Amino acid sequence: MRLALTGAAGYTGRGVAEVLRGEHWVRGVDVRESAPHAGESLVGDIADLEFCRRAVCDVEALVLCHMAPRPAAYETPVVCMDSNVKGTANLYHAAVEAGVGRVVLISTMGLVGNRPGVVVVPGDGPYNFKGELYTLTKILQEVIARYYHDEHGVGTVLLRPGWIVYDEDFHTKYGDKLERYDPSLVDPRDIGHAILAALALPEAGLEAFQLAQDDCGFDLTATRERLGWRPRYRFTGLLRTPS
């Protein structure tokens, strides 16, 4: 399958691209060069609709993994709304024009929050809104996915990972090194494997799946049964807090 992966040069996107390239052709889309992580690199701004039209040309599915960098981009709405919201809407619009009917959108478990048993419906909620621009933009991404599904039939699988960290060195995207295990941890390459499973679903309407470790306390039944996904990266090198 021919894929366009946004955010391919980013912290998460690099690991995702590594996995996707094992099975698919990947066009990396980002504001900076994404090679060699992607098979092809397209550099530009997704806030520009014409650029998005180029990004989706001749692909069969989109993987939306872009996110404005934290924390600086969230001090005002300008950058984060352009990237997370306008950019997402542009890509969906371009996908409809090009006849691309399948999208995988990387959302966040933060929209669910620590509310076991609560089902958060994409574009409807109830969302765990924490009163910050980051959360607002992620909610709006899901609302956009809902709109393009309902109005244009674009199938979207939303993946809601927890805390994204590479298992090798335990450094976060901000450069901080973790010392202790957290059950919400997810390696970007495990997100990549979840994307592969989402792309392989025979029928994808509008579905959301949570990604975390097995002991996270959230109901991962649908993730296991529908996607067949379990984390491969277990963060065994981190200290466990005694129970």
Protein backbone atom coordinates (compact mmCIF):
# COMPACT_ATOMS: atom_id res chain seq x y z
CA MET A 1 0.00 0.00 0.00
CA ARG A 2 1.17 3.54 -0.74
CA LEU A 3 1.00 5.71 2.39
CA ALA A 4 1.51 9.37 3.25
CA LEU A 5 2.81 9.77 6.80
CA THR A 6 2.67 13.27 8.29
CA GLY A 7 5.10 14.21 11.04
CA ALA A 8 7.51 11.63 9.61
CA ALA A 9 10.62 13.53 10.73
CA GLY A 10 9.35 13.99 14.29
CA TYR A 11 10.08 12.12 17.50
CA THR A 12 7.17 9.71 17.09
CA GLY A 13 7.10 9.69 13.30
CA ARG A 14 10.63 8.34 12.94
CA GLY A 15 9.77 5.15 14.83
CA VAL A 16 6.42 4.82 13.08
CA ALA A 17 8.06 5.17 9.66
CA GLU A 18 10.62 2.50 10.54
CA VAL A 19 7.82 -0.03 11.08
CA LEU A 20 5.57 1.04 8.20
CA ARG A 21 8.39 0.86 5.68
CA GLY A 22 8.74 -2.85 6.42
CA GLU A 23 5.40 -3.50 4.69
CA HIS A 24 4.40 -0.39 2.72
CA TRP A 25 5.75 2.41 0.55
CA VAL A 26 5.88 5.55 2.69
CA ARG A 27 5.92 9.20 1.68
CA GLY A 28 7.18 11.22 4.63
CA VAL A 29 5.46 14.59 4.98
CA ASP A 30 6.93 17.16 7.34
CA VAL A 31 8.33 20.67 7.66
CA ARG A 32 11.80 19.15 7.42
CA GLU A 33 13.46 16.29 5.57
CA SER A 34 12.21 12.89 6.73
CA ALA A 35 14.61 10.68 4.74
CA PRO A 36 15.98 8.08 5.40
CA HIS A 37 13.06 7.22 7.70
CA ALA A 38 10.60 7.40 4.78
CA GLY A 39 10.96 6.14 1.24
CA GLU A 40 10.18 9.58 -0.13
CA SER A 41 10.38 12.93 1.64
CA LEU A 42 8.03 15.83 0.93
CA VAL A 43 8.87 19.04 2.79
CA GLY A 44 6.26 21.71 3.35
CA ASP A 45 3.52 23.14 5.55
CA ILE A 46 0.23 21.26 5.91
CA ALA A 47 -1.50 24.57 6.70
CA ASP A 48 -1.18 25.10 2.93
CA LEU A 49 -3.96 23.25 1.10
CA GLU A 50 -2.00 23.07 -2.17
CA PHE A 51 0.85 21.35 -0.35
CA CYS A 52 -1.64 18.86 1.14
CA ARG A 53 -2.92 18.08 -2.34
CA ARG A 54 0.62 17.16 -3.33
CA ALA A 55 1.04 15.11 -0.17
CA VAL A 56 -1.98 12.88 -0.85
CA CYS A 57 -1.40 12.50 -4.60
CA ASP A 58 -1.22 8.83 -5.65
CA VAL A 59 -1.48 7.36 -2.16
CA GLU A 60 -4.02 4.88 -0.84
CA ALA A 61 -4.14 5.90 2.82
CA LEU A 62 -3.04 8.68 5.17
CA VAL A 63 -1.35 8.27 8.53
CA LEU A 64 -1.67 11.53 10.46
CA CYS A 65 1.09 11.72 13.03
CA HIS A 66 1.81 15.47 12.98
CA MET A 67 1.71 17.63 16.07
CA ALA A 68 2.87 21.16 16.79
CA PRO A 69 5.90 20.99 19.15
CA ARG A 70 5.28 21.47 22.85
CA PRO A 71 5.41 23.64 24.86
CA ALA A 72 6.31 26.73 22.81
CA ALA A 73 3.73 26.20 20.06
CA TYR A 74 0.89 26.24 22.61
CA GLU A 75 1.59 29.64 24.13
CA THR A 76 -0.75 31.16 21.51
CA PRO A 77 -3.25 29.48 19.16
CA VAL A 78 -1.40 30.47 15.99
CA VAL A 79 1.03 27.59 15.43
CA CYS A 80 -0.88 24.79 17.12
CA MET A 81 -4.16 25.59 15.39
CA ASP A 82 -2.42 25.86 12.01
CA SER A 83 -0.71 22.49 12.40
CA ASN A 84 -3.06 20.34 14.45
CA VAL A 85 -6.41 21.70 13.30
CA LYS A 86 -6.12 23.52 9.97
CA GLY A 87 -3.51 21.07 8.72
CA THR A 88 -5.67 18.08 9.64
CA ALA A 89 -8.74 19.58 7.94
CA ASN A 90 -6.66 20.39 4.83
CA LEU A 91 -5.40 16.81 4.61
CA TYR A 92 -8.89 15.34 4.94
CA HIS A 93 -10.20 17.76 2.31
CA ALA A 94 -7.38 16.86 -0.06
CA ALA A 95 -8.01 13.16 0.63
CA VAL A 96 -11.66 13.50 -0.35
CA GLU A 97 -10.68 15.29 -3.56
CA ALA A 98 -8.16 12.55 -4.39
CA GLY A 99 -10.47 9.67 -3.52
CA VAL A 100 -8.40 8.51 -0.55
CA GLY A 101 -10.88 6.87 1.79
CA ARG A 102 -8.76 5.52 4.64
CA VAL A 103 -7.00 7.46 7.43
CA VAL A 104 -5.23 6.50 10.63
CA LEU A 105 -5.08 9.43 13.06
CA ILE A 106 -2.75 9.46 16.05
CA SER A 107 -4.78 11.01 18.87
CA THR A 108 -4.03 10.77 22.59
CA MET A 109 -5.19 8.82 25.62
CA GLY A 110 -5.29 12.16 27.43
CA LEU A 111 -8.69 12.74 25.84
CA VAL A 112 -10.00 9.76 27.78
CA GLY A 113 -8.35 10.63 31.08
CA ASN A 114 -8.33 8.50 34.21
CA ARG A 115 -11.97 7.50 33.90
CA PRO A 116 -12.17 3.70 33.68
CA GLY A 117 -15.33 2.53 31.98
CA VAL A 118 -15.96 5.81 30.16
CA VAL A 119 -16.37 5.35 26.40
CA VAL A 120 -15.17 8.44 24.51
CA VAL A 121 -16.89 8.53 21.11
CA PRO A 122 -14.79 10.21 18.38
CA GLY A 123 -16.09 13.70 17.74
CA ASP A 124 -18.72 13.38 20.47
CA GLY A 125 -16.99 12.58 23.77
CA PRO A 126 -17.38 12.97 26.66
CA TYR A 127 -13.84 14.31 26.45
CA ASN A 128 -11.43 14.86 29.30
CA PHE A 129 -10.86 18.54 28.55
CA LYS A 130 -8.07 19.94 30.72
CA GLY A 131 -8.44 23.55 29.66
CA GLU A 132 -5.29 23.78 27.54
CA LEU A 133 -4.71 24.46 23.86
CA TYR A 134 -3.00 21.12 23.27
CA THR A 135 -6.04 19.16 24.47
CA LEU A 136 -8.38 21.45 22.54
CA THR A 137 -6.50 20.85 19.28
CA LYS A 138 -6.55 17.07 19.79
CA ILE A 139 -10.30 17.13 20.45
CA LEU A 140 -10.79 19.17 17.29
CA GLN A 141 -8.79 16.64 15.30
CA GLU A 142 -11.25 13.94 16.36
CA VAL A 143 -14.18 16.24 15.52
CA ILE A 144 -12.70 16.74 12.03
CA ALA A 145 -12.37 12.98 11.61
CA ARG A 146 -16.02 12.60 12.62
CA TYR A 147 -17.13 15.24 10.11
CA TYR A 148 -15.27 13.71 7.17
CA HIS A 149 -16.53 10.25 8.07
CA ASP A 150 -20.15 11.30 8.40
CA GLU A 151 -20.23 13.69 5.43
CA HIS A 152 -17.79 12.09 3.00
CA GLY A 153 -17.44 8.46 4.10
CA VAL A 154 -13.74 8.66 4.99
CA GLY A 155 -12.94 5.70 7.24
CA THR A 156 -10.73 6.67 10.16
CA VAL A 157 -9.09 4.61 12.86
CA LEU A 158 -8.06 6.81 15.78
CA LEU A 159 -5.21 5.50 17.91
CA ARG A 160 -4.98 7.01 21.40
CA PRO A 161 -1.52 6.23 22.81
CA GLY A 162 -0.42 7.09 26.31
CA TRP A 163 3.05 8.43 27.12
CA ILE A 164 5.22 8.06 23.99
CA VAL A 165 8.84 7.14 24.80
CA TYR A 166 11.50 4.98 23.11
CA ASP A 167 12.33 1.85 25.07
CA GLU A 168 16.08 1.92 24.36
CA ASP A 169 17.15 5.07 26.18
CA PHE A 170 13.97 6.19 27.99
CA HIS A 171 14.43 9.79 26.88
CA THR A 172 11.25 11.75 26.27
CA LYS A 173 10.83 14.09 23.30
CA TYR A 174 11.87 16.92 25.62
CA GLY A 175 15.19 15.28 26.46
CA ASP A 176 14.27 14.18 29.98
CA LYS A 177 15.31 10.67 30.99
CA LEU A 178 12.76 8.50 32.76
CA GLU A 179 13.83 6.50 35.80
CA ARG A 180 10.56 4.78 36.71
CA TYR A 181 8.07 2.69 34.81
CA ASP A 182 4.63 4.02 33.99
CA PRO A 183 1.86 1.77 32.61
CA SER A 184 0.86 4.40 30.05
CA LEU A 185 4.21 4.14 28.22
CA VAL A 186 4.13 3.30 24.51
CA ASP A 187 7.10 2.99 22.16
CA PRO A 188 6.64 4.72 18.77
CA ARG A 189 7.36 1.44 17.01
CA ASP A 190 4.46 -0.18 18.85
CA ILE A 191 2.31 2.65 17.50
CA GLY A 192 3.63 1.67 14.07
CA HIS A 193 2.47 -1.91 14.59
CA ALA A 194 -0.96 -0.67 15.68
CA ILE A 195 -1.13 1.39 12.47
CA LEU A 196 -0.32 -1.71 10.41
CA ALA A 197 -3.17 -3.54 12.13
CA ALA A 198 -5.54 -0.60 11.57
CA LEU A 199 -4.68 -0.47 7.86
CA ALA A 200 -5.38 -4.20 7.58
CA LEU A 201 -8.90 -3.97 9.00
CA PRO A 202 -11.31 -5.16 6.30
CA GLU A 203 -13.88 -2.52 7.25
CA ALA A 204 -12.96 0.73 9.00
CA GLY A 205 -15.70 3.19 9.77
CA LEU A 206 -14.87 5.51 12.65
CA GLU A 207 -13.19 3.64 15.50
CA ALA A 208 -10.91 4.54 18.40
CA PHE A 209 -8.41 2.33 20.20
CA GLN A 210 -6.29 3.01 23.27
CA LEU A 211 -2.61 2.03 23.32
CA ALA A 212 -0.70 1.41 26.54
CA GLN A 213 0.86 -1.35 28.62
CA ASP A 214 -1.33 -4.26 29.72
CA ASP A 215 -1.40 -3.05 33.33
CA CYS A 216 -2.50 0.50 32.49
CA GLY A 217 -5.90 0.10 34.13
CA PHE A 218 -7.81 1.02 30.99
CA ASP A 219 -9.97 -1.40 29.04
CA LEU A 220 -7.83 -2.53 26.12
CA THR A 221 -10.17 -5.35 25.08
CA ALA A 222 -11.09 -3.79 21.72
CA THR A 223 -7.44 -3.04 21.00
CA ARG A 224 -6.50 -6.66 21.61
CA GLU A 225 -9.46 -8.29 19.92
CA ARG A 226 -10.14 -5.97 16.98
CA LEU A 227 -6.55 -4.93 16.21
CA GLY A 228 -4.78 -7.97 17.64
CA TRP A 229 -2.35 -5.54 19.28
CA ARG A 230 -0.28 -5.91 22.41
CA PRO A 231 2.83 -3.87 23.22
CA ARG A 232 6.12 -5.44 22.18
CA TYR A 233 8.23 -2.91 24.03
CA ARG A 234 7.76 -3.45 27.78
CA PHE A 235 10.19 -0.96 29.38
CA THR A 236 11.67 -3.65 31.59
CA GLY A 237 14.76 -1.50 32.19
CA LEU A 238 12.79 1.00 34.24
CA LEU A 239 12.29 0.74 37.98
CA ARG A 240 8.93 -0.56 39.11
CA THR A 241 7.31 1.13 42.09
CA PRO A 242 6.52 -1.49 44.76
CA SER A 243 2.80 -2.19 45.02
